[in-house]
Amino acid sequence: MTKKTGCPVCGFDGPCAGCYERDQLMAELTNELMEQARCNGMGGEREAALLGKLERLERENAVIREDLATTYKTITELRGQVAESLATIKTLQAYVLLLEEALLKKAEGEEISHDESR
């Protein structure tokens, strides 16, 4: 048996230009596919990182929304307390005016009824 030397595809004995071009094209395509796979891998890593960041931001957003709701509730309660305080202040101001009138009448010698001093 003699060992065949030459192109394993076409059997040409010696350098085969067609097979050489095919091998070059195959190498170029392999390199391109490897580069695309590398880029896809980088894209997948980036996507995973972005999804992780999105999940973290969604959790932070939920906490902020909860804090905001609590703050809004507190502000609403405080507004109610302020309204009550203002009403109490107005009542006290009216009472002070009545007391001042009663004191003026007393100072002038007029009799003061209990209704006026309240």
N, C-alpha and C. Protein backbone atom coordinates (compact mmCIF):
# COMPACT_ATOMS: atom_id res chain seq x y z
N MET A 1 0.82 -1.18 0.00
CA MET A 1 0.00 0.00 0.00
C MET A 1 0.86 1.24 0.00
N THR A 2 0.49 2.09 -0.82
CA THR A 2 1.22 3.34 -0.87
C THR A 2 0.41 4.40 -0.14
N LYS A 3 1.11 5.23 0.55
CA LYS A 3 0.48 6.30 1.29
C LYS A 3 0.16 7.42 0.34
N LYS A 4 -1.07 7.87 0.38
CA LYS A 4 -1.48 8.93 -0.51
C LYS A 4 -1.02 10.26 0.07
N THR A 5 -0.33 11.03 -0.72
CA THR A 5 0.07 12.37 -0.32
C THR A 5 -0.67 13.33 -1.21
N GLY A 6 -1.09 14.34 -0.79
CA GLY A 6 -1.82 15.30 -1.60
C GLY A 6 -3.10 15.70 -0.91
N CYS A 7 -4.02 16.25 -1.64
CA CYS A 7 -5.27 16.79 -1.09
C CYS A 7 -6.17 15.64 -0.69
N PRO A 8 -6.61 15.60 0.58
CA PRO A 8 -7.51 14.53 1.02
C PRO A 8 -8.91 14.68 0.45
N VAL A 9 -9.24 15.87 -0.04
CA VAL A 9 -10.59 16.10 -0.56
C VAL A 9 -10.67 15.73 -2.03
N CYS A 10 -9.78 16.36 -2.81
CA CYS A 10 -9.88 16.14 -4.25
C CYS A 10 -8.86 15.12 -4.76
N GLY A 11 -7.91 14.72 -3.94
CA GLY A 11 -6.93 13.73 -4.34
C GLY A 11 -5.81 14.29 -5.18
N PHE A 12 -5.79 15.56 -5.43
CA PHE A 12 -4.75 16.19 -6.21
C PHE A 12 -3.43 16.03 -5.48
N ASP A 13 -2.42 15.66 -6.23
CA ASP A 13 -1.11 15.44 -5.63
C ASP A 13 -0.34 16.75 -5.64
N GLY A 14 -0.31 17.39 -4.49
CA GLY A 14 0.36 18.68 -4.39
C GLY A 14 -0.58 19.71 -3.81
N PRO A 15 -0.15 20.96 -3.75
CA PRO A 15 -1.01 22.01 -3.20
C PRO A 15 -2.23 22.21 -4.09
N CYS A 16 -3.41 22.17 -3.49
CA CYS A 16 -4.66 22.33 -4.22
C CYS A 16 -5.21 23.71 -3.92
N ALA A 17 -5.31 24.57 -4.94
CA ALA A 17 -5.76 25.94 -4.75
C ALA A 17 -7.20 25.98 -4.27
N GLY A 18 -8.06 25.18 -4.81
CA GLY A 18 -9.48 25.18 -4.42
C GLY A 18 -9.66 24.76 -2.97
N CYS A 19 -8.95 23.73 -2.58
CA CYS A 19 -9.04 23.26 -1.20
C CYS A 19 -8.39 24.26 -0.25
N TYR A 20 -7.32 24.90 -0.70
CA TYR A 20 -6.66 25.92 0.12
C TYR A 20 -7.63 27.07 0.38
N GLU A 21 -8.35 27.52 -0.68
CA GLU A 21 -9.32 28.59 -0.52
C GLU A 21 -10.45 28.16 0.42
N ARG A 22 -10.88 26.89 0.24
CA ARG A 22 -11.92 26.37 1.10
C ARG A 22 -11.45 26.36 2.55
N ASP A 23 -10.22 25.92 2.80
CA ASP A 23 -9.67 25.89 4.15
C ASP A 23 -9.54 27.30 4.72
N GLN A 24 -9.15 28.27 3.89
CA GLN A 24 -9.03 29.67 4.33
C GLN A 24 -10.42 30.21 4.72
N LEU A 25 -11.40 29.94 3.84
CA LEU A 25 -12.75 30.40 4.11
C LEU A 25 -13.29 29.76 5.39
N MET A 26 -13.00 28.46 5.54
CA MET A 26 -13.44 27.75 6.74
C MET A 26 -12.79 28.36 7.98
N ALA A 27 -11.53 28.71 7.92
CA ALA A 27 -10.83 29.33 9.05
C ALA A 27 -11.43 30.70 9.34
N GLU A 28 -11.71 31.49 8.29
CA GLU A 28 -12.31 32.82 8.48
C GLU A 28 -13.69 32.70 9.11
N LEU A 29 -14.48 31.76 8.58
CA LEU A 29 -15.82 31.57 9.13
C LEU A 29 -15.78 31.08 10.58
N THR A 30 -14.84 30.20 10.86
CA THR A 30 -14.67 29.72 12.23
C THR A 30 -14.30 30.88 13.16
N ASN A 31 -13.38 31.72 12.70
CA ASN A 31 -12.99 32.88 13.50
C ASN A 31 -14.17 33.83 13.71
N GLU A 32 -14.95 34.04 12.66
CA GLU A 32 -16.12 34.93 12.77
C GLU A 32 -17.14 34.35 13.75
N LEU A 33 -17.36 33.03 13.65
CA LEU A 33 -18.29 32.39 14.57
C LEU A 33 -17.80 32.47 16.02
N MET A 34 -16.52 32.30 16.20
CA MET A 34 -15.94 32.40 17.55
C MET A 34 -16.11 33.83 18.09
N GLU A 35 -15.91 34.83 17.24
CA GLU A 35 -16.07 36.22 17.65
C GLU A 35 -17.53 36.50 17.99
N GLN A 36 -18.46 35.98 17.17
CA GLN A 36 -19.88 36.16 17.46
C GLN A 36 -20.26 35.48 18.77
N ALA A 37 -19.72 34.29 19.00
CA ALA A 37 -20.00 33.58 20.25
C ALA A 37 -19.46 34.37 21.44
N ARG A 38 -18.27 34.95 21.26
CA ARG A 38 -17.68 35.77 22.33
C ARG A 38 -18.55 36.99 22.60
N CYS A 39 -19.00 37.64 21.52
CA CYS A 39 -19.87 38.83 21.68
C CYS A 39 -21.20 38.45 22.31
N ASN A 40 -21.76 37.32 21.88
CA ASN A 40 -23.01 36.86 22.48
C ASN A 40 -22.81 36.57 23.96
N GLY A 41 -21.69 36.00 24.29
CA GLY A 41 -21.39 35.73 25.70
C GLY A 41 -21.29 37.02 26.48
N MET A 42 -20.62 38.01 25.89
CA MET A 42 -20.51 39.32 26.56
C MET A 42 -21.90 39.94 26.69
N GLY A 43 -22.71 39.79 25.64
CA GLY A 43 -24.07 40.33 25.68
C GLY A 43 -24.89 39.64 26.76
N GLY A 44 -24.72 38.33 26.89
CA GLY A 44 -25.42 37.58 27.93
C GLY A 44 -24.99 38.00 29.32
N GLU A 45 -23.68 38.22 29.48
CA GLU A 45 -23.18 38.69 30.77
C GLU A 45 -23.73 40.08 31.09
N ARG A 46 -23.76 40.92 30.07
CA ARG A 46 -24.27 42.29 30.26
C ARG A 46 -25.76 42.24 30.59
N GLU A 47 -26.48 41.38 29.87
CA GLU A 47 -27.92 41.25 30.13
C GLU A 47 -28.14 40.76 31.56
N ALA A 48 -27.38 39.77 32.00
CA ALA A 48 -27.52 39.26 33.36
C ALA A 48 -27.22 40.35 34.39
N ALA A 49 -26.18 41.15 34.12
CA ALA A 49 -25.83 42.24 35.03
C ALA A 49 -26.96 43.28 35.07
N LEU A 50 -27.52 43.59 33.89
CA LEU A 50 -28.60 44.57 33.84
C LEU A 50 -29.86 44.06 34.53
N LEU A 51 -30.15 42.76 34.37
CA LEU A 51 -31.30 42.18 35.06
C LEU A 51 -31.11 42.22 36.57
N GLY A 52 -29.90 41.95 37.01
CA GLY A 52 -29.59 42.04 38.44
C GLY A 52 -29.77 43.46 38.95
N LYS A 53 -29.30 44.42 38.16
CA LYS A 53 -29.45 45.83 38.55
C LYS A 53 -30.92 46.21 38.58
N LEU A 54 -31.70 45.74 37.60
CA LEU A 54 -33.13 46.03 37.55
C LEU A 54 -33.82 45.48 38.80
N GLU A 55 -33.51 44.25 39.17
CA GLU A 55 -34.13 43.65 40.36
C GLU A 55 -33.77 44.44 41.61
N ARG A 56 -32.51 44.86 41.72
CA ARG A 56 -32.08 45.65 42.89
C ARG A 56 -32.84 46.97 42.93
N LEU A 57 -32.95 47.64 41.79
CA LEU A 57 -33.65 48.92 41.73
C LEU A 57 -35.14 48.76 42.02
N GLU A 58 -35.73 47.65 41.57
CA GLU A 58 -37.14 47.41 41.87
C GLU A 58 -37.35 47.21 43.36
N ARG A 59 -36.42 46.50 44.03
CA ARG A 59 -36.52 46.33 45.48
C ARG A 59 -36.38 47.67 46.19
N GLU A 60 -35.39 48.47 45.76
CA GLU A 60 -35.19 49.80 46.35
C GLU A 60 -36.42 50.67 46.12
N ASN A 61 -37.00 50.59 44.93
CA ASN A 61 -38.20 51.37 44.61
C ASN A 61 -39.36 50.97 45.52
N ALA A 62 -39.51 49.67 45.79
CA ALA A 62 -40.58 49.21 46.66
C ALA A 62 -40.40 49.77 48.07
N VAL A 63 -39.16 49.78 48.56
CA VAL A 63 -38.89 50.33 49.89
C VAL A 63 -39.20 51.83 49.92
N ILE A 64 -38.79 52.54 48.87
CA ILE A 64 -39.05 53.98 48.80
C ILE A 64 -40.55 54.25 48.74
N ARG A 65 -41.27 53.47 47.96
CA ARG A 65 -42.74 53.64 47.88
C ARG A 65 -43.38 53.41 49.25
N GLU A 66 -42.91 52.40 49.94
CA GLU A 66 -43.44 52.11 51.28
C GLU A 66 -43.15 53.27 52.23
N ASP A 67 -41.92 53.78 52.18
CA ASP A 67 -41.55 54.93 53.01
C ASP A 67 -42.39 56.15 52.65
N LEU A 68 -42.62 56.34 51.37
CA LEU A 68 -43.43 57.47 50.91
C LEU A 68 -44.86 57.35 51.41
N ALA A 69 -45.42 56.16 51.36
CA ALA A 69 -46.79 55.94 51.84
C ALA A 69 -46.87 56.22 53.34
N THR A 70 -45.87 55.77 54.09
CA THR A 70 -45.83 56.03 55.53
C THR A 70 -45.72 57.53 55.80
N THR A 71 -44.86 58.20 55.04
CA THR A 71 -44.69 59.64 55.21
C THR A 71 -45.99 60.37 54.88
N TYR A 72 -46.67 59.98 53.81
CA TYR A 72 -47.93 60.61 53.43
C TYR A 72 -48.96 60.43 54.54
N LYS A 73 -49.03 59.23 55.10
CA LYS A 73 -49.97 58.96 56.19
C LYS A 73 -49.66 59.85 57.39
N THR A 74 -48.39 59.97 57.73
CA THR A 74 -47.98 60.81 58.85
C THR A 74 -48.34 62.28 58.60
N ILE A 75 -48.09 62.75 57.38
CA ILE A 75 -48.42 64.14 57.04
C ILE A 75 -49.93 64.36 57.15
N THR A 76 -50.71 63.42 56.68
CA THR A 76 -52.17 63.54 56.76
C THR A 76 -52.62 63.61 58.22
N GLU A 77 -52.04 62.75 59.07
CA GLU A 77 -52.37 62.78 60.49
C GLU A 77 -51.96 64.11 61.12
N LEU A 78 -50.79 64.61 60.76
CA LEU A 78 -50.32 65.88 61.30
C LEU A 78 -51.20 67.04 60.85
N ARG A 79 -51.66 66.99 59.61
CA ARG A 79 -52.57 68.04 59.13
C ARG A 79 -53.85 68.06 59.96
N GLY A 80 -54.36 66.88 60.28
CA GLY A 80 -55.55 66.79 61.13
C GLY A 80 -55.29 67.37 62.50
N GLN A 81 -54.12 67.06 63.06
CA GLN A 81 -53.76 67.59 64.38
C GLN A 81 -53.60 69.11 64.33
N VAL A 82 -53.01 69.61 63.26
CA VAL A 82 -52.84 71.07 63.10
C VAL A 82 -54.21 71.73 63.00
N ALA A 83 -55.13 71.14 62.24
CA ALA A 83 -56.49 71.70 62.11
C ALA A 83 -57.17 71.73 63.48
N GLU A 84 -57.03 70.65 64.26
CA GLU A 84 -57.60 70.63 65.60
C GLU A 84 -56.96 71.69 66.48
N SER A 85 -55.66 71.84 66.37
CA SER A 85 -54.95 72.84 67.17
C SER A 85 -55.40 74.25 66.81
N LEU A 86 -55.58 74.50 65.52
CA LEU A 86 -56.04 75.82 65.08
C LEU A 86 -57.44 76.11 65.61
N ALA A 87 -58.30 75.10 65.60
CA ALA A 87 -59.65 75.28 66.14
C ALA A 87 -59.58 75.58 67.64
N THR A 88 -58.70 74.87 68.34
CA THR A 88 -58.53 75.11 69.78
C THR A 88 -57.99 76.51 70.02
N ILE A 89 -57.05 76.95 69.21
CA ILE A 89 -56.50 78.30 69.34
C ILE A 89 -57.59 79.34 69.13
N LYS A 90 -58.43 79.17 68.13
CA LYS A 90 -59.52 80.12 67.88
C LYS A 90 -60.49 80.16 69.06
N THR A 91 -60.79 78.98 69.60
CA THR A 91 -61.67 78.93 70.76
C THR A 91 -61.04 79.66 71.94
N LEU A 92 -59.76 79.42 72.15
CA LEU A 92 -59.06 80.08 73.26
C LEU A 92 -58.97 81.59 73.04
N GLN A 93 -58.76 82.00 71.80
CA GLN A 93 -58.73 83.44 71.50
C GLN A 93 -60.08 84.09 71.82
N ALA A 94 -61.14 83.40 71.45
CA ALA A 94 -62.48 83.93 71.75
C ALA A 94 -62.70 83.99 73.26
N TYR A 95 -62.24 83.00 73.98
CA TYR A 95 -62.37 82.98 75.43
C TYR A 95 -61.57 84.11 76.05
N VAL A 96 -60.37 84.33 75.56
CA VAL A 96 -59.54 85.42 76.06
C VAL A 96 -60.22 86.77 75.83
N LEU A 97 -60.82 86.95 74.67
CA LEU A 97 -61.56 88.19 74.39
C LEU A 97 -62.70 88.38 75.38
N LEU A 98 -63.44 87.31 75.67
CA LEU A 98 -64.52 87.40 76.65
C LEU A 98 -63.99 87.77 78.02
N LEU A 99 -62.88 87.16 78.40
CA LEU A 99 -62.28 87.47 79.70
C LEU A 99 -61.82 88.93 79.75
N GLU A 100 -61.22 89.40 78.66
CA GLU A 100 -60.79 90.80 78.62
C GLU A 100 -61.99 91.74 78.77
N GLU A 101 -63.08 91.44 78.07
CA GLU A 101 -64.29 92.27 78.17
C GLU A 101 -64.83 92.25 79.60
N ALA A 102 -64.82 91.06 80.21
CA ALA A 102 -65.32 90.94 81.58
C ALA A 102 -64.45 91.74 82.54
N LEU A 103 -63.14 91.66 82.35
CA LEU A 103 -62.23 92.42 83.22
C LEU A 103 -62.42 93.92 83.04
N LEU A 104 -62.63 94.36 81.81
CA LEU A 104 -62.87 95.78 81.56
C LEU A 104 -64.17 96.23 82.23
N LYS A 105 -65.20 95.43 82.13
CA LYS A 105 -66.47 95.77 82.77
C LYS A 105 -66.32 95.83 84.28
N LYS A 106 -65.56 94.87 84.82
CA LYS A 106 -65.34 94.84 86.26
C LYS A 106 -64.55 96.07 86.69
N ALA A 107 -63.56 96.43 85.88
CA ALA A 107 -62.75 97.60 86.20
C ALA A 107 -63.60 98.86 86.14
N GLU A 108 -64.62 98.87 85.31
CA GLU A 108 -65.50 100.03 85.19
C GLU A 108 -66.63 99.97 86.21
N GLY A 109 -66.68 98.90 86.99
CA GLY A 109 -67.66 98.78 88.05
C GLY A 109 -68.95 98.11 87.65
N GLU A 110 -69.04 97.58 86.47
CA GLU A 110 -70.25 96.87 86.07
C GLU A 110 -70.24 95.47 86.63
N GLU A 111 -71.46 94.95 86.84
CA GLU A 111 -71.56 93.58 87.32
C GLU A 111 -71.33 92.60 86.18
N ILE A 112 -70.68 91.50 86.50
CA ILE A 112 -70.36 90.49 85.48
C ILE A 112 -71.21 89.26 85.74
N SER A 113 -71.90 88.82 84.69
CA SER A 113 -72.65 87.57 84.83
C SER A 113 -71.71 86.42 84.52
N HIS A 114 -72.07 85.24 85.02
CA HIS A 114 -71.21 84.06 84.79
C HIS A 114 -71.17 83.70 83.30
N ASP A 115 -72.22 83.99 82.57
CA ASP A 115 -72.25 83.67 81.13
C ASP A 115 -71.21 84.49 80.39
N GLU A 116 -70.98 85.72 80.79
CA GLU A 116 -70.01 86.55 80.10
C GLU A 116 -68.58 86.16 80.40
N SER A 117 -68.34 85.52 81.52
CA SER A 117 -66.97 85.19 81.90
C SER A 117 -66.52 83.85 81.37
N ARG A 118 -67.37 83.19 80.66
CA ARG A 118 -66.98 81.89 80.13
C ARG A 118 -66.43 81.98 78.76
